């Protein structure tokens, strides 16, 4: 039995958090799966960490010339209903 692969290339809403080394990414298009954010390729900036904003849970990620690839596991709870989730990206 092969698990279904859920990979999406997104153009999410990205905000500068006000901190010198942090961006926030708001995801409303998906709840889980592998996300590829092309605008955050390693020729733009080098990512140090990706966290779920609400809980500071570390997420698996990989960055290369194609973008930032983030694995959002199924089963993460979303607080606040259907508003999606926010990720914190430090660089």
N, C-alpha and C. Protein backbone atom coordinates (compact mmCIF):
# COMPACT_ATOMS: atom_id res chain seq x y z
N UNK A 1 0.82 -1.17 0.00
CA UNK A 1 0.00 0.00 0.00
C UNK A 1 0.88 1.25 0.00
N UNK A 2 0.78 2.09 -1.00
CA UNK A 2 1.56 3.31 -1.08
C UNK A 2 0.78 4.48 -0.49
N UNK A 3 1.41 5.22 0.43
CA UNK A 3 0.73 6.40 0.94
C UNK A 3 0.63 7.45 -0.16
N UNK A 4 -0.43 8.22 -0.13
CA UNK A 4 -0.62 9.28 -1.12
C UNK A 4 0.37 10.39 -0.85
N UNK A 5 1.06 10.82 -1.88
CA UNK A 5 1.99 11.93 -1.76
C UNK A 5 1.23 13.22 -1.96
N UNK A 6 1.42 14.14 -1.02
CA UNK A 6 0.72 15.41 -1.07
C UNK A 6 1.76 16.52 -1.13
N UNK A 7 2.15 16.92 -2.34
CA UNK A 7 3.14 17.97 -2.55
C UNK A 7 2.47 19.11 -3.29
N UNK A 8 2.63 20.32 -2.75
CA UNK A 8 2.03 21.49 -3.38
C UNK A 8 3.05 22.61 -3.47
N UNK A 9 3.09 23.29 -4.60
CA UNK A 9 3.91 24.48 -4.74
C UNK A 9 3.00 25.66 -4.47
N UNK A 10 3.38 26.48 -3.48
CA UNK A 10 2.52 27.55 -3.03
C UNK A 10 3.13 28.92 -3.24
N UNK A 11 2.29 29.91 -3.31
CA UNK A 11 2.69 31.30 -3.21
C UNK A 11 1.93 31.86 -2.02
N UNK A 12 2.38 31.51 -0.81
CA UNK A 12 1.63 31.88 0.39
C UNK A 12 1.82 33.36 0.72
N UNK A 13 1.06 33.82 1.68
CA UNK A 13 1.22 35.17 2.20
C UNK A 13 2.41 35.14 3.15
N UNK A 14 3.43 35.96 2.87
CA UNK A 14 4.64 36.00 3.69
C UNK A 14 4.75 37.41 4.27
N UNK A 15 4.92 37.49 5.59
CA UNK A 15 5.07 38.77 6.27
C UNK A 15 6.40 38.83 6.99
N UNK A 16 7.00 40.00 6.98
CA UNK A 16 8.15 40.25 7.83
C UNK A 16 7.61 40.44 9.23
N UNK A 17 8.12 39.71 10.20
CA UNK A 17 7.54 39.68 11.54
C UNK A 17 7.90 40.92 12.36
N UNK A 18 8.83 41.72 11.90
CA UNK A 18 9.30 42.85 12.69
C UNK A 18 10.61 42.54 13.38
N UNK A 19 10.92 41.26 13.49
CA UNK A 19 12.21 40.85 14.04
C UNK A 19 13.22 40.81 12.91
N UNK A 20 14.46 41.07 13.21
CA UNK A 20 15.50 41.20 12.20
C UNK A 20 15.68 39.94 11.35
N UNK A 21 15.45 38.79 11.93
CA UNK A 21 15.78 37.54 11.25
C UNK A 21 14.60 36.58 11.14
N UNK A 22 13.37 37.10 10.97
CA UNK A 22 12.22 36.21 10.99
C UNK A 22 11.14 36.63 10.00
N UNK A 23 10.58 35.63 9.34
CA UNK A 23 9.41 35.81 8.49
C UNK A 23 8.28 34.94 9.02
N UNK A 24 7.04 35.35 8.76
CA UNK A 24 5.90 34.51 9.07
C UNK A 24 5.22 34.16 7.77
N UNK A 25 4.85 32.91 7.64
CA UNK A 25 4.17 32.42 6.45
C UNK A 25 2.79 31.94 6.87
N UNK A 26 1.76 32.51 6.27
CA UNK A 26 0.39 32.12 6.59
C UNK A 26 -0.11 31.16 5.52
N UNK A 27 -0.51 29.99 5.95
CA UNK A 27 -0.98 28.95 5.04
C UNK A 27 -2.48 28.77 5.22
N UNK A 28 -3.23 29.01 4.19
CA UNK A 28 -4.65 28.73 4.24
C UNK A 28 -5.03 27.73 3.16
N UNK A 29 -4.07 27.39 2.31
CA UNK A 29 -4.36 26.54 1.15
C UNK A 29 -4.24 25.06 1.44
N UNK A 30 -3.61 24.69 2.55
CA UNK A 30 -3.40 23.29 2.84
C UNK A 30 -3.33 23.08 4.34
N UNK A 31 -3.65 21.89 4.78
CA UNK A 31 -3.52 21.58 6.20
C UNK A 31 -2.30 20.72 6.49
N UNK A 32 -1.86 19.95 5.51
CA UNK A 32 -0.70 19.09 5.73
C UNK A 32 -0.10 18.73 4.37
N UNK A 33 1.08 18.16 4.44
CA UNK A 33 1.75 17.72 3.22
C UNK A 33 3.08 18.41 3.06
N UNK A 34 3.65 18.27 1.89
CA UNK A 34 4.93 18.87 1.59
C UNK A 34 4.69 20.14 0.78
N UNK A 35 5.18 21.25 1.30
CA UNK A 35 4.97 22.55 0.69
C UNK A 35 6.28 23.05 0.10
N UNK A 36 6.23 23.59 -1.10
CA UNK A 36 7.42 24.16 -1.72
C UNK A 36 7.15 25.64 -1.96
N UNK A 37 7.97 26.48 -1.36
CA UNK A 37 7.82 27.93 -1.51
C UNK A 37 9.00 28.41 -2.34
N UNK A 38 8.73 28.66 -3.62
CA UNK A 38 9.77 29.00 -4.59
C UNK A 38 10.48 30.29 -4.24
N UNK A 39 9.76 31.27 -3.73
CA UNK A 39 10.36 32.58 -3.45
C UNK A 39 11.36 32.56 -2.30
N UNK A 40 11.48 31.44 -1.58
CA UNK A 40 12.45 31.34 -0.49
C UNK A 40 13.56 30.36 -0.83
N UNK A 41 14.09 30.47 -2.05
CA UNK A 41 15.21 29.63 -2.46
C UNK A 41 16.48 30.08 -1.75
N UNK A 42 17.51 29.23 -1.77
CA UNK A 42 18.73 29.56 -1.04
C UNK A 42 19.55 30.66 -1.70
N UNK A 43 19.17 31.11 -2.89
CA UNK A 43 19.86 32.27 -3.46
C UNK A 43 19.25 33.59 -2.98
N UNK A 44 18.12 33.51 -2.24
CA UNK A 44 17.48 34.70 -1.67
C UNK A 44 17.92 34.93 -0.22
N UNK A 45 17.85 33.88 0.60
CA UNK A 45 18.30 33.93 2.00
C UNK A 45 18.50 32.50 2.48
N UNK A 46 19.27 32.35 3.53
CA UNK A 46 19.53 31.01 4.07
C UNK A 46 18.71 30.79 5.34
N UNK A 47 17.83 29.82 5.30
CA UNK A 47 16.94 29.51 6.41
C UNK A 47 17.70 28.73 7.47
N UNK A 48 17.45 29.08 8.75
CA UNK A 48 18.05 28.36 9.87
C UNK A 48 17.06 27.42 10.54
N UNK A 49 15.76 27.82 10.57
CA UNK A 49 14.78 27.02 11.31
C UNK A 49 13.37 27.35 10.81
N UNK A 50 12.49 26.33 10.86
CA UNK A 50 11.08 26.52 10.53
C UNK A 50 10.27 25.92 11.68
N UNK A 51 9.39 26.74 12.26
CA UNK A 51 8.58 26.34 13.41
C UNK A 51 7.11 26.61 13.15
N UNK A 52 6.24 25.84 13.79
CA UNK A 52 4.83 26.14 13.82
C UNK A 52 4.66 27.29 14.80
N UNK A 53 4.09 28.40 14.37
CA UNK A 53 4.03 29.63 15.15
C UNK A 53 3.39 29.42 16.53
N UNK A 54 2.25 28.77 16.61
CA UNK A 54 1.51 28.66 17.88
C UNK A 54 2.25 27.88 18.95
N UNK A 55 2.94 26.83 18.56
CA UNK A 55 3.53 25.92 19.54
C UNK A 55 5.05 25.90 19.53
N UNK A 56 5.66 26.57 18.56
CA UNK A 56 7.11 26.52 18.35
C UNK A 56 7.62 25.11 18.06
N UNK A 57 6.72 24.24 17.56
CA UNK A 57 7.11 22.89 17.16
C UNK A 57 7.99 22.98 15.91
N UNK A 58 9.14 22.31 15.94
CA UNK A 58 10.04 22.32 14.80
C UNK A 58 9.47 21.46 13.68
N UNK A 59 9.53 21.98 12.47
CA UNK A 59 9.07 21.24 11.30
C UNK A 59 10.27 20.83 10.46
N UNK A 60 10.14 19.73 9.75
CA UNK A 60 11.20 19.29 8.84
C UNK A 60 11.18 20.17 7.61
N UNK A 61 12.36 20.54 7.12
CA UNK A 61 12.45 21.40 5.95
C UNK A 61 13.77 21.16 5.24
N UNK A 62 13.81 21.60 4.00
CA UNK A 62 15.02 21.52 3.18
C UNK A 62 14.98 22.73 2.25
N UNK A 63 16.11 23.35 2.06
CA UNK A 63 16.18 24.52 1.19
C UNK A 63 17.24 24.29 0.13
N UNK A 64 16.91 24.64 -1.11
CA UNK A 64 17.87 24.57 -2.20
C UNK A 64 17.52 25.65 -3.23
N UNK A 65 18.11 25.55 -4.42
CA UNK A 65 17.90 26.57 -5.45
C UNK A 65 16.47 26.59 -5.99
N UNK A 66 15.70 25.53 -5.71
CA UNK A 66 14.31 25.45 -6.19
C UNK A 66 13.32 26.08 -5.21
N UNK A 67 13.74 26.29 -3.96
CA UNK A 67 12.85 26.89 -2.97
C UNK A 67 13.00 26.25 -1.61
N UNK A 68 12.10 26.61 -0.72
CA UNK A 68 12.06 26.06 0.63
C UNK A 68 10.97 25.00 0.66
N UNK A 69 11.35 23.79 1.01
CA UNK A 69 10.42 22.65 1.07
C UNK A 69 10.17 22.35 2.54
N UNK A 70 8.89 22.45 2.96
CA UNK A 70 8.51 22.26 4.35
C UNK A 70 7.55 21.08 4.44
N UNK A 71 7.80 20.17 5.39
CA UNK A 71 6.91 19.05 5.63
C UNK A 71 6.00 19.39 6.81
N UNK A 72 4.71 19.53 6.53
CA UNK A 72 3.72 19.81 7.57
C UNK A 72 2.97 18.51 7.81
N UNK A 73 3.21 17.85 8.96
CA UNK A 73 2.62 16.53 9.20
C UNK A 73 1.10 16.60 9.38
N UNK A 74 0.45 15.54 8.95
CA UNK A 74 -0.99 15.41 9.13
C UNK A 74 -1.26 15.27 10.63
N UNK A 75 -2.35 15.85 11.07
CA UNK A 75 -2.73 15.70 12.46
C UNK A 75 -2.36 16.86 13.36
N UNK A 76 -1.65 17.88 12.83
CA UNK A 76 -1.39 19.05 13.65
C UNK A 76 -2.69 19.80 13.85
N UNK A 77 -2.99 20.15 15.09
CA UNK A 77 -4.23 20.86 15.36
C UNK A 77 -4.11 22.31 14.94
N UNK A 78 -5.21 22.84 14.44
CA UNK A 78 -5.28 24.24 14.07
C UNK A 78 -6.17 24.94 15.08
N UNK A 79 -5.62 25.90 15.78
CA UNK A 79 -6.44 26.69 16.70
C UNK A 79 -7.09 27.80 15.91
N UNK A 80 -8.28 28.20 16.30
CA UNK A 80 -8.94 29.31 15.62
C UNK A 80 -9.75 28.89 14.42
N UNK A 81 -10.12 27.63 14.33
CA UNK A 81 -11.01 27.19 13.26
C UNK A 81 -10.32 27.02 11.93
N UNK A 82 -10.94 27.49 10.86
CA UNK A 82 -10.46 27.26 9.49
C UNK A 82 -9.49 28.31 9.00
N UNK A 83 -8.88 29.08 9.88
CA UNK A 83 -8.04 30.18 9.45
C UNK A 83 -6.67 29.70 8.98
N UNK A 84 -6.39 28.43 9.07
CA UNK A 84 -5.09 27.93 8.64
C UNK A 84 -4.08 28.00 9.77
N UNK A 85 -2.82 28.04 9.41
CA UNK A 85 -1.77 28.08 10.41
C UNK A 85 -0.67 29.03 9.94
N UNK A 86 0.12 29.44 10.89
CA UNK A 86 1.26 30.31 10.59
C UNK A 86 2.55 29.57 10.89
N UNK A 87 3.52 29.74 10.02
CA UNK A 87 4.84 29.18 10.23
C UNK A 87 5.81 30.32 10.49
N UNK A 88 6.80 30.05 11.32
CA UNK A 88 7.83 31.03 11.62
C UNK A 88 9.12 30.54 10.99
N UNK A 89 9.71 31.35 10.12
CA UNK A 89 10.95 31.00 9.43
C UNK A 89 12.03 31.96 9.89
N UNK A 90 13.10 31.41 10.49
CA UNK A 90 14.21 32.25 10.90
C UNK A 90 15.37 32.06 9.94
N UNK A 91 16.12 33.12 9.74
CA UNK A 91 17.26 33.08 8.82
C UNK A 91 18.44 33.85 9.38
